[in-house]
Amino acid sequence: MGKNRHGGQRPLTVAQQKYFLKLTFPGFRLVTERNQLRCVGRLQPTATSGRYTFELVYKVPARPNVRVIRPELRLAEGHTKLPHVFPGNELCLYMSPDWRPDQRIDQFIIPWISLWLFFYEVWLASGEWLGGGHEPDARKK
């Protein structure tokens, strides 16, 4: 594989990402159409955590869009918005260039979803986001 404009190898195809996700997370529901992957899965960040159903939509080579679809995400006491989300409550999981389209979603994005959910639960209890990073600029997507 040759280098490309993304700074790494050629992007993995939707079919390749689906294959790896199916191997690693056989319980996830995966649908591909028109060079787009839709993944619906359930994660439980810790043994004492709730279970969260998320939807991931990925079109090569864009950033995977992830949102929690169940349960509805609540606000911590005294807060008026969720931390580390893009418009539409899409989760902000990483800062560029932490992930590239030549990397596997099952090895990077899915674990980051679980980490985001863990820090979300800490935020609900404490009112403080301890997950690091920075708030995404709502004007950029």
N, C-alpha and C. Protein backbone atom coordinates (compact mmCIF):
# COMPACT_ATOMS: atom_id res chain seq x y z
N MET A 1 0.84 -1.19 0.00
CA MET A 1 0.00 0.00 0.00
C MET A 1 0.88 1.24 0.00
N GLY A 2 0.49 2.22 -0.74
CA GLY A 2 1.25 3.44 -0.81
C GLY A 2 0.74 4.49 0.16
N LYS A 3 1.56 5.51 0.35
CA LYS A 3 1.17 6.63 1.20
C LYS A 3 0.12 7.47 0.48
N ASN A 4 -0.64 8.23 1.26
CA ASN A 4 -1.66 9.07 0.65
C ASN A 4 -1.72 10.41 1.35
N ARG A 5 -2.71 11.21 1.00
CA ARG A 5 -2.83 12.56 1.54
C ARG A 5 -3.21 12.57 3.01
N HIS A 6 -3.61 11.43 3.58
CA HIS A 6 -3.99 11.37 4.99
C HIS A 6 -2.78 11.13 5.89
N GLY A 7 -1.58 11.06 5.31
CA GLY A 7 -0.37 10.92 6.11
C GLY A 7 -0.05 9.49 6.47
N GLY A 8 -0.84 8.55 6.04
CA GLY A 8 -0.60 7.15 6.34
C GLY A 8 -0.80 6.31 5.11
N GLN A 9 -1.19 5.08 5.32
CA GLN A 9 -1.49 4.18 4.22
C GLN A 9 -2.84 4.57 3.61
N ARG A 10 -3.21 3.90 2.56
CA ARG A 10 -4.52 4.13 1.96
C ARG A 10 -5.61 3.83 2.98
N PRO A 11 -6.71 4.58 2.93
CA PRO A 11 -7.80 4.30 3.87
C PRO A 11 -8.31 2.87 3.72
N LEU A 12 -8.70 2.28 4.84
CA LEU A 12 -9.37 0.99 4.78
C LEU A 12 -10.74 1.21 4.15
N THR A 13 -11.18 0.24 3.40
CA THR A 13 -12.49 0.35 2.76
C THR A 13 -13.59 0.10 3.79
N VAL A 14 -14.80 0.44 3.44
CA VAL A 14 -15.95 0.16 4.29
C VAL A 14 -16.05 -1.35 4.53
N ALA A 15 -15.82 -2.15 3.49
CA ALA A 15 -15.89 -3.61 3.63
C ALA A 15 -14.83 -4.11 4.62
N GLN A 16 -13.63 -3.56 4.56
CA GLN A 16 -12.58 -3.97 5.50
C GLN A 16 -12.95 -3.58 6.93
N GLN A 17 -13.44 -2.35 7.12
CA GLN A 17 -13.84 -1.92 8.46
C GLN A 17 -14.96 -2.82 8.99
N LYS A 18 -15.92 -3.15 8.15
CA LYS A 18 -17.02 -4.03 8.55
C LYS A 18 -16.49 -5.40 8.95
N TYR A 19 -15.58 -5.94 8.19
CA TYR A 19 -14.99 -7.25 8.49
C TYR A 19 -14.33 -7.25 9.87
N PHE A 20 -13.50 -6.25 10.14
CA PHE A 20 -12.81 -6.19 11.43
C PHE A 20 -13.78 -5.99 12.58
N LEU A 21 -14.78 -5.14 12.38
CA LEU A 21 -15.79 -4.93 13.43
C LEU A 21 -16.55 -6.22 13.72
N LYS A 22 -16.91 -6.95 12.67
CA LYS A 22 -17.65 -8.20 12.85
C LYS A 22 -16.81 -9.23 13.61
N LEU A 23 -15.51 -9.28 13.34
CA LEU A 23 -14.61 -10.20 14.05
C LEU A 23 -14.49 -9.84 15.53
N THR A 24 -14.31 -8.56 15.80
CA THR A 24 -14.04 -8.11 17.16
C THR A 24 -15.32 -7.97 17.99
N PHE A 25 -16.39 -7.52 17.37
CA PHE A 25 -17.65 -7.27 18.07
C PHE A 25 -18.79 -7.97 17.32
N PRO A 26 -18.90 -9.29 17.42
CA PRO A 26 -19.90 -10.02 16.64
C PRO A 26 -21.35 -9.64 16.97
N GLY A 27 -21.59 -9.03 18.12
CA GLY A 27 -22.95 -8.65 18.49
C GLY A 27 -23.41 -7.33 17.91
N PHE A 28 -22.51 -6.58 17.29
CA PHE A 28 -22.89 -5.30 16.70
C PHE A 28 -23.67 -5.56 15.41
N ARG A 29 -24.62 -4.68 15.12
CA ARG A 29 -25.37 -4.74 13.87
C ARG A 29 -24.66 -3.84 12.86
N LEU A 30 -24.27 -4.42 11.73
CA LEU A 30 -23.47 -3.71 10.73
C LEU A 30 -24.18 -3.72 9.39
N VAL A 31 -24.30 -2.54 8.79
CA VAL A 31 -24.94 -2.41 7.47
C VAL A 31 -24.05 -1.52 6.62
N THR A 32 -23.81 -1.94 5.39
CA THR A 32 -23.06 -1.11 4.45
C THR A 32 -23.93 -0.81 3.24
N GLU A 33 -23.83 0.42 2.77
CA GLU A 33 -24.49 0.82 1.54
C GLU A 33 -23.84 2.09 1.03
N ARG A 34 -23.65 2.12 -0.28
CA ARG A 34 -23.09 3.30 -0.94
C ARG A 34 -21.83 3.83 -0.25
N ASN A 35 -20.88 2.94 -0.03
CA ASN A 35 -19.60 3.32 0.56
C ASN A 35 -19.75 3.93 1.95
N GLN A 36 -20.77 3.51 2.67
CA GLN A 36 -21.01 4.00 4.04
C GLN A 36 -21.26 2.80 4.95
N LEU A 37 -20.72 2.87 6.14
CA LEU A 37 -20.91 1.83 7.14
C LEU A 37 -21.74 2.39 8.28
N ARG A 38 -22.75 1.64 8.67
CA ARG A 38 -23.56 2.00 9.83
C ARG A 38 -23.42 0.86 10.83
N CYS A 39 -23.05 1.20 12.04
CA CYS A 39 -22.84 0.22 13.09
C CYS A 39 -23.68 0.63 14.29
N VAL A 40 -24.47 -0.30 14.81
CA VAL A 40 -25.21 -0.07 16.05
C VAL A 40 -24.75 -1.13 17.03
N GLY A 41 -24.31 -0.69 18.19
CA GLY A 41 -23.80 -1.62 19.18
C GLY A 41 -24.11 -1.17 20.59
N ARG A 42 -23.82 -2.05 21.53
CA ARG A 42 -24.03 -1.74 22.95
C ARG A 42 -22.70 -1.86 23.66
N LEU A 43 -22.42 -0.87 24.52
CA LEU A 43 -21.20 -0.87 25.32
C LEU A 43 -21.55 -0.62 26.78
N GLN A 44 -20.76 -1.22 27.65
CA GLN A 44 -20.87 -1.00 29.09
C GLN A 44 -19.45 -0.69 29.55
N PRO A 45 -19.15 0.59 29.84
CA PRO A 45 -17.77 0.99 30.11
C PRO A 45 -17.12 0.30 31.31
N THR A 46 -17.89 0.01 32.36
CA THR A 46 -17.37 -0.71 33.52
C THR A 46 -18.43 -1.71 33.98
N ALA A 47 -18.05 -2.59 34.86
CA ALA A 47 -18.98 -3.61 35.36
C ALA A 47 -20.17 -2.99 36.08
N THR A 48 -20.00 -1.79 36.63
CA THR A 48 -21.08 -1.15 37.37
C THR A 48 -21.80 -0.07 36.56
N SER A 49 -21.39 0.10 35.32
CA SER A 49 -21.99 1.10 34.44
C SER A 49 -23.29 0.62 33.85
N GLY A 50 -24.06 1.61 33.35
CA GLY A 50 -25.21 1.27 32.54
C GLY A 50 -24.74 0.79 31.18
N ARG A 51 -25.70 0.28 30.39
CA ARG A 51 -25.39 -0.13 29.03
C ARG A 51 -25.89 0.94 28.08
N TYR A 52 -25.07 1.25 27.11
CA TYR A 52 -25.37 2.32 26.17
C TYR A 52 -25.43 1.75 24.76
N THR A 53 -26.46 2.12 24.04
CA THR A 53 -26.56 1.76 22.63
C THR A 53 -26.10 2.98 21.83
N PHE A 54 -25.17 2.75 20.93
CA PHE A 54 -24.62 3.84 20.12
C PHE A 54 -24.81 3.51 18.64
N GLU A 55 -24.75 4.57 17.85
CA GLU A 55 -24.76 4.43 16.40
C GLU A 55 -23.52 5.12 15.86
N LEU A 56 -22.80 4.41 14.99
CA LEU A 56 -21.62 4.94 14.33
C LEU A 56 -21.90 4.93 12.84
N VAL A 57 -21.68 6.06 12.19
CA VAL A 57 -21.84 6.15 10.75
C VAL A 57 -20.50 6.62 10.19
N TYR A 58 -19.99 5.86 9.23
CA TYR A 58 -18.66 6.15 8.68
C TYR A 58 -18.70 6.10 7.16
N LYS A 59 -18.18 7.16 6.56
CA LYS A 59 -18.01 7.22 5.11
C LYS A 59 -16.55 7.57 4.86
N VAL A 60 -15.85 6.71 4.15
CA VAL A 60 -14.43 6.90 3.88
C VAL A 60 -14.22 8.20 3.13
N PRO A 61 -13.27 9.05 3.50
CA PRO A 61 -12.35 8.98 4.62
C PRO A 61 -12.73 9.91 5.78
N ALA A 62 -13.98 10.28 5.89
CA ALA A 62 -14.40 11.27 6.89
C ALA A 62 -14.30 10.72 8.32
N ARG A 63 -14.45 11.61 9.26
CA ARG A 63 -14.46 11.25 10.68
C ARG A 63 -15.70 10.41 10.96
N PRO A 64 -15.55 9.29 11.67
CA PRO A 64 -16.74 8.53 12.04
C PRO A 64 -17.64 9.38 12.95
N ASN A 65 -18.92 9.42 12.64
CA ASN A 65 -19.89 10.15 13.47
C ASN A 65 -20.52 9.16 14.44
N VAL A 66 -20.46 9.50 15.72
CA VAL A 66 -20.95 8.59 16.76
C VAL A 66 -21.89 9.35 17.68
N ARG A 67 -23.02 8.72 17.97
CA ARG A 67 -23.93 9.30 18.95
C ARG A 67 -24.55 8.18 19.77
N VAL A 68 -24.90 8.49 20.99
CA VAL A 68 -25.57 7.54 21.86
C VAL A 68 -27.06 7.65 21.56
N ILE A 69 -27.70 6.51 21.29
CA ILE A 69 -29.13 6.56 20.97
C ILE A 69 -30.00 6.07 22.13
N ARG A 70 -29.43 5.30 23.06
CA ARG A 70 -30.13 4.88 24.28
C ARG A 70 -29.14 4.62 25.38
N PRO A 71 -29.38 5.00 26.58
CA PRO A 71 -30.44 5.90 27.00
C PRO A 71 -30.11 7.33 26.57
N GLU A 72 -31.08 8.20 26.68
CA GLU A 72 -30.83 9.60 26.37
C GLU A 72 -29.79 10.13 27.36
N LEU A 73 -28.78 10.82 26.83
CA LEU A 73 -27.74 11.36 27.70
C LEU A 73 -28.30 12.52 28.52
N ARG A 74 -28.03 12.48 29.82
CA ARG A 74 -28.54 13.50 30.74
C ARG A 74 -27.44 14.53 31.01
N LEU A 75 -27.84 15.62 31.62
CA LEU A 75 -26.89 16.66 32.00
C LEU A 75 -26.52 16.50 33.47
N ALA A 76 -25.27 16.79 33.77
CA ALA A 76 -24.84 16.82 35.16
C ALA A 76 -25.50 18.02 35.84
N GLU A 77 -25.71 17.89 37.12
CA GLU A 77 -26.34 18.97 37.88
C GLU A 77 -25.56 20.27 37.70
N GLY A 78 -26.30 21.34 37.42
CA GLY A 78 -25.69 22.66 37.25
C GLY A 78 -25.13 22.91 35.86
N HIS A 79 -25.28 21.98 34.92
CA HIS A 79 -24.76 22.15 33.56
C HIS A 79 -25.91 22.29 32.57
N THR A 80 -25.65 23.03 31.49
CA THR A 80 -26.69 23.27 30.49
C THR A 80 -26.41 22.58 29.16
N LYS A 81 -25.24 21.93 29.04
CA LYS A 81 -24.93 21.21 27.80
C LYS A 81 -23.99 20.06 28.10
N LEU A 82 -24.00 19.10 27.21
CA LEU A 82 -23.11 17.96 27.34
C LEU A 82 -21.69 18.37 27.00
N PRO A 83 -20.70 17.79 27.67
CA PRO A 83 -19.31 18.10 27.34
C PRO A 83 -18.83 17.25 26.17
N HIS A 84 -17.90 17.77 25.44
CA HIS A 84 -17.19 17.04 24.39
C HIS A 84 -18.11 16.37 23.39
N VAL A 85 -19.02 17.19 22.84
CA VAL A 85 -19.88 16.73 21.76
C VAL A 85 -19.89 17.78 20.65
N PHE A 86 -20.12 17.30 19.45
CA PHE A 86 -20.33 18.17 18.30
C PHE A 86 -21.82 18.47 18.22
N PRO A 87 -22.24 19.36 17.34
CA PRO A 87 -23.68 19.60 17.16
C PRO A 87 -24.41 18.29 16.89
N GLY A 88 -25.61 18.19 17.41
CA GLY A 88 -26.38 16.96 17.27
C GLY A 88 -25.96 15.89 18.27
N ASN A 89 -25.19 16.29 19.27
CA ASN A 89 -24.68 15.38 20.31
C ASN A 89 -23.85 14.23 19.77
N GLU A 90 -23.13 14.50 18.67
CA GLU A 90 -22.15 13.53 18.18
C GLU A 90 -20.95 13.60 19.11
N LEU A 91 -20.48 12.43 19.54
CA LEU A 91 -19.40 12.40 20.51
C LEU A 91 -18.09 12.90 19.92
N CYS A 92 -17.38 13.70 20.70
CA CYS A 92 -16.03 14.14 20.35
C CYS A 92 -15.08 13.16 21.03
N LEU A 93 -14.51 12.26 20.24
CA LEU A 93 -13.74 11.15 20.78
C LEU A 93 -12.23 11.36 20.76
N TYR A 94 -11.75 12.20 19.89
CA TYR A 94 -10.30 12.35 19.74
C TYR A 94 -9.99 13.66 19.04
N MET A 95 -8.72 14.02 19.11
CA MET A 95 -8.27 15.21 18.40
C MET A 95 -7.46 14.76 17.18
N SER A 96 -7.61 15.45 16.09
CA SER A 96 -6.79 15.14 14.92
C SER A 96 -5.34 15.33 15.31
N PRO A 97 -4.43 14.54 14.91
CA PRO A 97 -4.50 13.37 14.04
C PRO A 97 -4.45 12.04 14.82
N ASP A 98 -5.18 11.93 15.91
CA ASP A 98 -5.16 10.70 16.72
C ASP A 98 -5.68 9.49 15.96
N TRP A 99 -6.58 9.71 15.01
CA TRP A 99 -7.09 8.60 14.20
C TRP A 99 -7.04 9.01 12.75
N ARG A 100 -6.70 8.02 11.91
CA ARG A 100 -6.66 8.22 10.46
C ARG A 100 -7.49 7.13 9.80
N PRO A 101 -7.97 7.36 8.59
CA PRO A 101 -8.83 6.38 7.92
C PRO A 101 -8.12 5.09 7.52
N ASP A 102 -6.79 5.01 7.71
CA ASP A 102 -6.11 3.74 7.45
C ASP A 102 -6.05 2.88 8.72
N GLN A 103 -6.64 3.38 9.80
CA GLN A 103 -6.66 2.64 11.07
C GLN A 103 -8.02 1.98 11.26
N ARG A 104 -8.01 0.91 12.04
CA ARG A 104 -9.22 0.12 12.25
C ARG A 104 -10.14 0.76 13.28
N ILE A 105 -11.40 0.87 12.93
CA ILE A 105 -12.42 1.42 13.83
C ILE A 105 -12.55 0.56 15.08
N ASP A 106 -12.47 -0.76 14.91
CA ASP A 106 -12.63 -1.65 16.07
C ASP A 106 -11.51 -1.50 17.09
N GLN A 107 -10.34 -1.08 16.66
CA GLN A 107 -9.20 -0.93 17.57
C GLN A 107 -9.05 0.46 18.15
N PHE A 108 -9.64 1.45 17.52
CA PHE A 108 -9.48 2.83 17.98
C PHE A 108 -10.81 3.45 18.41
N ILE A 109 -11.74 3.57 17.47
CA ILE A 109 -12.97 4.31 17.72
C ILE A 109 -13.85 3.65 18.78
N ILE A 110 -14.04 2.34 18.69
CA ILE A 110 -14.92 1.65 19.66
C ILE A 110 -14.36 1.78 21.08
N PRO A 111 -13.07 1.52 21.32
CA PRO A 111 -12.55 1.74 22.68
C PRO A 111 -12.68 3.20 23.13
N TRP A 112 -12.55 4.15 22.21
CA TRP A 112 -12.70 5.56 22.58
C TRP A 112 -14.14 5.89 22.94
N ILE A 113 -15.10 5.21 22.29
CA ILE A 113 -16.50 5.41 22.67
C ILE A 113 -16.68 4.96 24.12
N SER A 114 -16.13 3.82 24.46
CA SER A 114 -16.25 3.29 25.82
C SER A 114 -15.60 4.24 26.83
N LEU A 115 -14.43 4.77 26.49
CA LEU A 115 -13.77 5.74 27.37
C LEU A 115 -14.61 7.01 27.53
N TRP A 116 -15.17 7.49 26.43
CA TRP A 116 -16.01 8.69 26.51
C TRP A 116 -17.17 8.43 27.46
N LEU A 117 -17.80 7.26 27.35
CA LEU A 117 -18.91 6.91 28.22
C LEU A 117 -18.49 6.82 29.68
N PHE A 118 -17.30 6.28 29.92
CA PHE A 118 -16.78 6.23 31.29
C PHE A 118 -16.65 7.64 31.86
N PHE A 119 -16.01 8.53 31.11
CA PHE A 119 -15.82 9.90 31.59
C PHE A 119 -17.14 10.66 31.67
N TYR A 120 -18.10 10.32 30.83
CA TYR A 120 -19.44 10.89 30.92
C TYR A 120 -20.06 10.52 32.26
N GLU A 121 -19.95 9.27 32.67
CA GLU A 121 -20.51 8.85 33.95
C GLU A 121 -19.82 9.54 35.13
N VAL A 122 -18.51 9.73 35.03
CA VAL A 122 -17.78 10.47 36.08
C VAL A 122 -18.29 11.91 36.10
N TRP A 123 -18.48 12.51 34.93
CA TRP A 123 -18.99 13.88 34.82
C TRP A 123 -20.37 13.99 35.43
N LEU A 124 -21.24 13.01 35.18
CA LEU A 124 -22.58 13.04 35.76
C LEU A 124 -22.50 13.09 37.29
N ALA A 125 -21.58 12.32 37.86
CA ALA A 125 -21.46 12.24 39.32
C ALA A 125 -20.75 13.44 39.93
N SER A 126 -19.75 13.97 39.21
CA SER A 126 -18.91 15.02 39.79
C SER A 126 -19.14 16.41 39.22
N GLY A 127 -19.69 16.48 38.00
CA GLY A 127 -19.84 17.77 37.33
C GLY A 127 -18.56 18.25 36.68
N GLU A 128 -17.50 17.42 36.71
CA GLU A 128 -16.21 17.80 36.13
C GLU A 128 -15.82 16.78 35.07
N TRP A 129 -15.45 17.27 33.87
CA TRP A 129 -15.00 16.38 32.80
C TRP A 129 -13.53 16.07 33.03
N LEU A 130 -13.22 14.80 33.28
CA LEU A 130 -11.84 14.39 33.57
C LEU A 130 -11.20 13.66 32.40
N GLY A 131 -11.86 13.67 31.26
CA GLY A 131 -11.37 12.93 30.11
C GLY A 131 -10.34 13.63 29.26
N GLY A 132 -9.95 14.84 29.64
CA GLY A 132 -8.95 15.56 28.85
C GLY A 132 -9.53 16.09 27.56
N GLY A 133 -8.65 16.45 26.65
CA GLY A 133 -9.07 16.99 25.37
C GLY A 133 -9.54 18.43 25.48
N HIS A 134 -10.27 18.87 24.50
CA HIS A 134 -10.83 20.22 24.50
C HIS A 134 -12.19 20.18 23.86
N GLU A 135 -12.98 21.18 24.14
CA GLU A 135 -14.32 21.25 23.57
C GLU A 135 -14.22 21.51 22.06
N PRO A 136 -14.97 20.75 21.26
CA PRO A 136 -14.92 20.99 19.82
C PRO A 136 -15.54 22.32 19.46
N ASP A 137 -15.03 22.91 18.41
CA ASP A 137 -15.58 24.16 17.89
C ASP A 137 -16.86 23.82 17.15
N ALA A 138 -17.97 24.33 17.61
CA ALA A 138 -19.28 24.00 17.04
C ALA A 138 -19.39 24.42 15.57
N ARG A 139 -18.56 25.35 15.13
CA ARG A 139 -18.65 25.79 13.74
C ARG A 139 -17.97 24.81 12.79
N LYS A 140 -17.05 23.97 13.32
CA LYS A 140 -16.34 23.01 12.48
C LYS A 140 -16.97 21.65 12.63
N LYS A 141 -17.04 20.94 11.52
CA LYS A 141 -17.58 19.58 11.60
C LYS A 141 -16.81 18.70 10.67
